[in-house]
Amino acid sequence: MNIEISIDVSPAVKKYIAHRHDIKPFVVSRTNYFGIFLHNCLARVKDEIVAAPINPQVYTQKLMLGLSEDLYNRKGWYIHPKKQYDFNRLVELMIEQDFYYFVELQTQVARQTMDAAFYEFRDFFHFTEDDLTLKTMQKRYERYRAQLRA
């Protein structure tokens, strides 16, 4: 039996995880890197912790996590907002790395234009313009290429 808890995530993070794993609920286990990270974020709490939630304008989605009873009893059922922020940041960095690799392949091997590669990357993960704007993608890629040349 799984016990469900939720954490706050950005829409892009939820779509990225959903592309790779079942998220209804996302079962926390040590069989993938998301599960390993979340497994180590779990904590037990005796009383209600008063912690500032992460930015609700940015992290508008809830990711349901499934915990086994054993994990629930051993590790806990609470993930601190700071750990939720760290999880979101980790997945955002993974998205960036996949983005750079994808664009490199599309522009150098498949001979696509950069804009076409950007749009194809967005379509591949079902990101919308609100999740990842073209201007943001261009700036990130320019910085990445400049860093490689330095």
C-alpha atoms as a PDB file:
ATOM      1  CA  MET A   1       0.000   0.000   0.000  1.00  0.00           C
ATOM      2  CA  ASN A   2       1.273   3.472  -0.881  1.00  0.00           C
ATOM      3  CA  ILE A   3       0.847   6.570   1.236  1.00  0.00           C
ATOM      4  CA  GLU A   4       0.661   9.777  -0.788  1.00  0.00           C
ATOM      5  CA  ILE A   5       2.188  13.140   0.020  1.00  0.00           C
ATOM      6  CA  SER A   6       2.643  16.123  -2.279  1.00  0.00           C
ATOM      7  CA  ILE A   7       5.421  18.583  -3.008  1.00  0.00           C
ATOM      8  CA  ASP A   8       5.396  21.859  -4.923  1.00  0.00           C
ATOM      9  CA  VAL A   9       7.060  21.831  -8.339  1.00  0.00           C
ATOM     10  CA  SER A  10       7.166  24.064 -11.381  1.00  0.00           C
ATOM     11  CA  PRO A  11       5.148  23.013 -14.450  1.00  0.00           C
ATOM     12  CA  ALA A  12       8.323  22.272 -16.430  1.00  0.00           C
ATOM     13  CA  VAL A  13       9.674  20.006 -13.691  1.00  0.00           C
ATOM     14  CA  LYS A  14       6.422  18.057 -13.509  1.00  0.00           C
ATOM     15  CA  LYS A  15       6.310  17.597 -17.302  1.00  0.00           C
ATOM     16  CA  TYR A  16       9.956  16.516 -17.419  1.00  0.00           C
ATOM     17  CA  ILE A  17       9.445  13.878 -14.725  1.00  0.00           C
ATOM     18  CA  ALA A  18       6.168  12.757 -16.332  1.00  0.00           C
ATOM     19  CA  HIS A  19       8.032  12.219 -19.608  1.00  0.00           C
ATOM     20  CA  ARG A  20      10.332   9.710 -17.905  1.00  0.00           C
ATOM     21  CA  HIS A  21       8.219   8.149 -15.128  1.00  0.00           C
ATOM     22  CA  ASP A  22       4.653   7.511 -14.050  1.00  0.00           C
ATOM     23  CA  ILE A  23       3.590  10.374 -11.778  1.00  0.00           C
ATOM     24  CA  LYS A  24       0.178   9.171 -10.637  1.00  0.00           C
ATOM     25  CA  PRO A  25       1.738   9.001  -8.031  1.00  0.00           C
ATOM     26  CA  PHE A  26       5.500   9.126  -8.483  1.00  0.00           C
ATOM     27  CA  VAL A  27       6.698   6.222  -6.358  1.00  0.00           C
ATOM     28  CA  VAL A  28       9.708   7.173  -4.248  1.00  0.00           C
ATOM     29  CA  SER A  29      12.289   4.402  -4.495  1.00  0.00           C
ATOM     30  CA  ARG A  30      16.001   4.019  -5.000  1.00  0.00           C
ATOM     31  CA  THR A  31      15.645   2.867  -8.603  1.00  0.00           C
ATOM     32  CA  ASN A  32      16.050   6.306 -10.234  1.00  0.00           C
ATOM     33  CA  TYR A  33      17.842   9.551  -9.430  1.00  0.00           C
ATOM     34  CA  PHE A  34      14.667  11.477  -8.603  1.00  0.00           C
ATOM     35  CA  GLY A  35      13.647   8.790  -6.135  1.00  0.00           C
ATOM     36  CA  ILE A  36      17.089   8.672  -4.531  1.00  0.00           C
ATOM     37  CA  PHE A  37      17.080  12.431  -3.989  1.00  0.00           C
ATOM     38  CA  LEU A  38      13.543  12.472  -2.574  1.00  0.00           C
ATOM     39  CA  HIS A  39      14.242   9.394  -0.428  1.00  0.00           C
ATOM     40  CA  ASN A  40      17.012  11.315   1.310  1.00  0.00           C
ATOM     41  CA  CYS A  41      14.814  14.404   1.762  1.00  0.00           C
ATOM     42  CA  LEU A  42      12.139  12.623   3.790  1.00  0.00           C
ATOM     43  CA  ALA A  43      11.973  13.462   7.476  1.00  0.00           C
ATOM     44  CA  ARG A  44       9.778  12.737  10.448  1.00  0.00           C
ATOM     45  CA  VAL A  45       8.213  15.631  12.268  1.00  0.00           C
ATOM     46  CA  LYS A  46       6.676  15.578  15.708  1.00  0.00           C
ATOM     47  CA  ASP A  47       4.939  18.927  15.525  1.00  0.00           C
ATOM     48  CA  GLU A  48       3.789  21.156  12.725  1.00  0.00           C
ATOM     49  CA  ILE A  49       6.861  22.897  11.344  1.00  0.00           C
ATOM     50  CA  VAL A  50       6.413  26.545  10.528  1.00  0.00           C
ATOM     51  CA  ALA A  51       8.452  26.963   7.374  1.00  0.00           C
ATOM     52  CA  ALA A  52       7.936  29.471   4.620  1.00  0.00           C
ATOM     53  CA  PRO A  53       6.582  27.694   1.534  1.00  0.00           C
ATOM     54  CA  ILE A  54       8.489  28.002  -1.687  1.00  0.00           C
ATOM     55  CA  ASN A  55       7.364  30.687  -4.131  1.00  0.00           C
ATOM     56  CA  PRO A  56       3.744  29.814  -5.081  1.00  0.00           C
ATOM     57  CA  GLN A  57       3.919  31.968  -8.239  1.00  0.00           C
ATOM     58  CA  VAL A  58       6.729  29.801  -9.660  1.00  0.00           C
ATOM     59  CA  TYR A  59       5.941  26.400  -8.157  1.00  0.00           C
ATOM     60  CA  THR A  60       2.298  26.162  -9.138  1.00  0.00           C
ATOM     61  CA  GLN A  61       2.000  22.390  -9.567  1.00  0.00           C
ATOM     62  CA  LYS A  62       1.776  19.552  -7.049  1.00  0.00           C
ATOM     63  CA  LEU A  63       3.694  16.340  -7.592  1.00  0.00           C
ATOM     64  CA  MET A  64       2.098  13.448  -5.758  1.00  0.00           C
ATOM     65  CA  LEU A  65       4.653  11.111  -4.198  1.00  0.00           C
ATOM     66  CA  GLY A  66       3.868   7.525  -3.277  1.00  0.00           C
ATOM     67  CA  LEU A  67       5.651   6.188  -0.206  1.00  0.00           C
ATOM     68  CA  SER A  68       5.601   2.570   0.863  1.00  0.00           C
ATOM     69  CA  GLU A  69       4.483   1.936   4.435  1.00  0.00           C
ATOM     70  CA  ASP A  70       7.996   0.797   5.309  1.00  0.00           C
ATOM     71  CA  LEU A  71       9.550   3.972   3.904  1.00  0.00           C
ATOM     72  CA  TYR A  72       6.900   6.067   5.633  1.00  0.00           C
ATOM     73  CA  ASN A  73       7.677   4.432   8.991  1.00  0.00           C
ATOM     74  CA  ARG A  74      11.470   4.421   8.618  1.00  0.00           C
ATOM     75  CA  LYS A  75      12.241   7.745   6.912  1.00  0.00           C
ATOM     76  CA  GLY A  76       9.209   9.942   7.443  1.00  0.00           C
ATOM     77  CA  TRP A  77       6.523  11.782   5.522  1.00  0.00           C
ATOM     78  CA  TYR A  78       7.667  15.411   5.394  1.00  0.00           C
ATOM     79  CA  ILE A  79       9.849  17.221   2.848  1.00  0.00           C
ATOM     80  CA  HIS A  80      10.988  20.665   3.983  1.00  0.00           C
ATOM     81  CA  PRO A  81      10.320  23.552   1.538  1.00  0.00           C
ATOM     82  CA  LYS A  82      14.076  24.145   1.162  1.00  0.00           C
ATOM     83  CA  LYS A  83      14.479  20.530   0.041  1.00  0.00           C
ATOM     84  CA  GLN A  84      11.559  20.981  -2.371  1.00  0.00           C
ATOM     85  CA  TYR A  85      13.367  24.007  -3.834  1.00  0.00           C
ATOM     86  CA  ASP A  86      16.586  21.951  -4.132  1.00  0.00           C
ATOM     87  CA  PHE A  87      14.681  19.162  -5.904  1.00  0.00           C
ATOM     88  CA  ASN A  88      13.196  21.646  -8.383  1.00  0.00           C
ATOM     89  CA  ARG A  89      16.629  23.146  -8.996  1.00  0.00           C
ATOM     90  CA  LEU A  90      18.153  19.702  -9.563  1.00  0.00           C
ATOM     91  CA  VAL A  91      15.541  18.811 -12.174  1.00  0.00           C
ATOM     92  CA  GLU A  92      15.888  22.236 -13.835  1.00  0.00           C
ATOM     93  CA  LEU A  93      19.633  21.627 -14.186  1.00  0.00           C
ATOM     94  CA  MET A  94      18.918  18.214 -15.702  1.00  0.00           C
ATOM     95  CA  ILE A  95      16.543  19.864 -18.183  1.00  0.00           C
ATOM     96  CA  GLU A  96      19.296  22.326 -19.117  1.00  0.00           C
ATOM     97  CA  GLN A  97      21.830  19.541 -19.680  1.00  0.00           C
ATOM     98  CA  ASP A  98      19.358  17.617 -21.846  1.00  0.00           C
ATOM     99  CA  PHE A  99      18.582  20.840 -23.714  1.00  0.00           C
ATOM    100  CA  TYR A 100      22.260  21.515 -24.524  1.00  0.00           C
ATOM    101  CA  TYR A 101      22.837  17.938 -25.655  1.00  0.00           C
ATOM    102  CA  PHE A 102      19.666  17.909 -27.759  1.00  0.00           C
ATOM    103  CA  VAL A 103      20.476  21.198 -29.517  1.00  0.00           C
ATOM    104  CA  GLU A 104      24.074  20.113 -30.175  1.00  0.00           C
ATOM    105  CA  LEU A 105      22.847  16.946 -31.852  1.00  0.00           C
ATOM    106  CA  GLN A 106      20.139  18.670 -33.864  1.00  0.00           C
ATOM    107  CA  THR A 107      22.347  21.510 -35.116  1.00  0.00           C
ATOM    108  CA  GLN A 108      25.548  19.557 -35.784  1.00  0.00           C
ATOM    109  CA  VAL A 109      24.336  16.112 -36.814  1.00  0.00           C
ATOM    110  CA  ALA A 110      20.831  16.712 -38.179  1.00  0.00           C
ATOM    111  CA  ARG A 111      21.781  20.167 -39.556  1.00  0.00           C
ATOM    112  CA  GLN A 112      18.708  21.918 -38.146  1.00  0.00           C
ATOM    113  CA  THR A 113      18.618  25.598 -37.347  1.00  0.00           C
ATOM    114  CA  MET A 114      18.905  26.504 -33.680  1.00  0.00           C
ATOM    115  CA  ASP A 115      15.363  27.852 -33.482  1.00  0.00           C
ATOM    116  CA  ALA A 116      13.983  24.658 -35.013  1.00  0.00           C
ATOM    117  CA  ALA A 117      15.987  22.612 -32.486  1.00  0.00           C
ATOM    118  CA  PHE A 118      14.644  24.793 -29.638  1.00  0.00           C
ATOM    119  CA  TYR A 119      11.057  24.244 -30.744  1.00  0.00           C
ATOM    120  CA  GLU A 120      11.596  20.524 -31.236  1.00  0.00           C
ATOM    121  CA  PHE A 121      13.053  20.211 -27.732  1.00  0.00           C
ATOM    122  CA  ARG A 122      10.034  22.003 -26.298  1.00  0.00           C
ATOM    123  CA  ASP A 123       7.647  19.784 -28.240  1.00  0.00           C
ATOM    124  CA  PHE A 124       9.504  16.637 -27.196  1.00  0.00           C
ATOM    125  CA  PHE A 125       8.895  17.330 -23.492  1.00  0.00           C
ATOM    126  CA  HIS A 126       5.498  19.021 -24.047  1.00  0.00           C
ATOM    127  CA  PHE A 127       6.734  22.325 -22.615  1.00  0.00           C
ATOM    128  CA  THR A 128       4.659  25.407 -23.375  1.00  0.00           C
ATOM    129  CA  GLU A 129       5.861  28.939 -24.060  1.00  0.00           C
ATOM    130  CA  ASP A 130       5.099  29.739 -20.396  1.00  0.00           C
ATOM    131  CA  ASP A 131       7.311  26.865 -19.220  1.00  0.00           C
ATOM    132  CA  LEU A 132      10.300  27.692 -21.394  1.00  0.00           C
ATOM    133  CA  THR A 133      10.330  30.771 -23.631  1.00  0.00           C
ATOM    134  CA  LEU A 134      12.302  30.936 -26.853  1.00  0.00           C
ATOM    135  CA  LYS A 135      14.238  33.976 -25.612  1.00  0.00           C
ATOM    136  CA  THR A 136      15.257  32.115 -22.423  1.00  0.00           C
ATOM    137  CA  MET A 137      16.359  29.116 -24.458  1.00  0.00           C
ATOM    138  CA  GLN A 138      18.433  31.298 -26.792  1.00  0.00           C
ATOM    139  CA  LYS A 139      20.158  33.099 -23.897  1.00  0.00           C
ATOM    140  CA  ARG A 140      20.943  29.855 -22.079  1.00  0.00           C
ATOM    141  CA  TYR A 141      22.381  28.288 -25.213  1.00  0.00           C
ATOM    142  CA  GLU A 142      24.480  31.382 -26.006  1.00  0.00           C
ATOM    143  CA  ARG A 143      25.940  31.320 -22.469  1.00  0.00           C
ATOM    144  CA  TYR A 144      26.622  27.598 -22.760  1.00  0.00           C
ATOM    145  CA  ARG A 145      28.456  28.026 -26.075  1.00  0.00           C
ATOM    146  CA  ALA A 146      30.419  31.015 -24.767  1.00  0.00           C
ATOM    147  CA  GLN A 147      31.470  28.980 -21.735  1.00  0.00           C
ATOM    148  CA  LEU A 148      32.737  26.181 -24.005  1.00  0.00           C
ATOM    149  CA  ARG A 149      34.843  28.637 -26.015  1.00  0.00           C
ATOM    150  CA  ALA A 150      36.391  30.306 -22.962  1.00  0.00           C
END
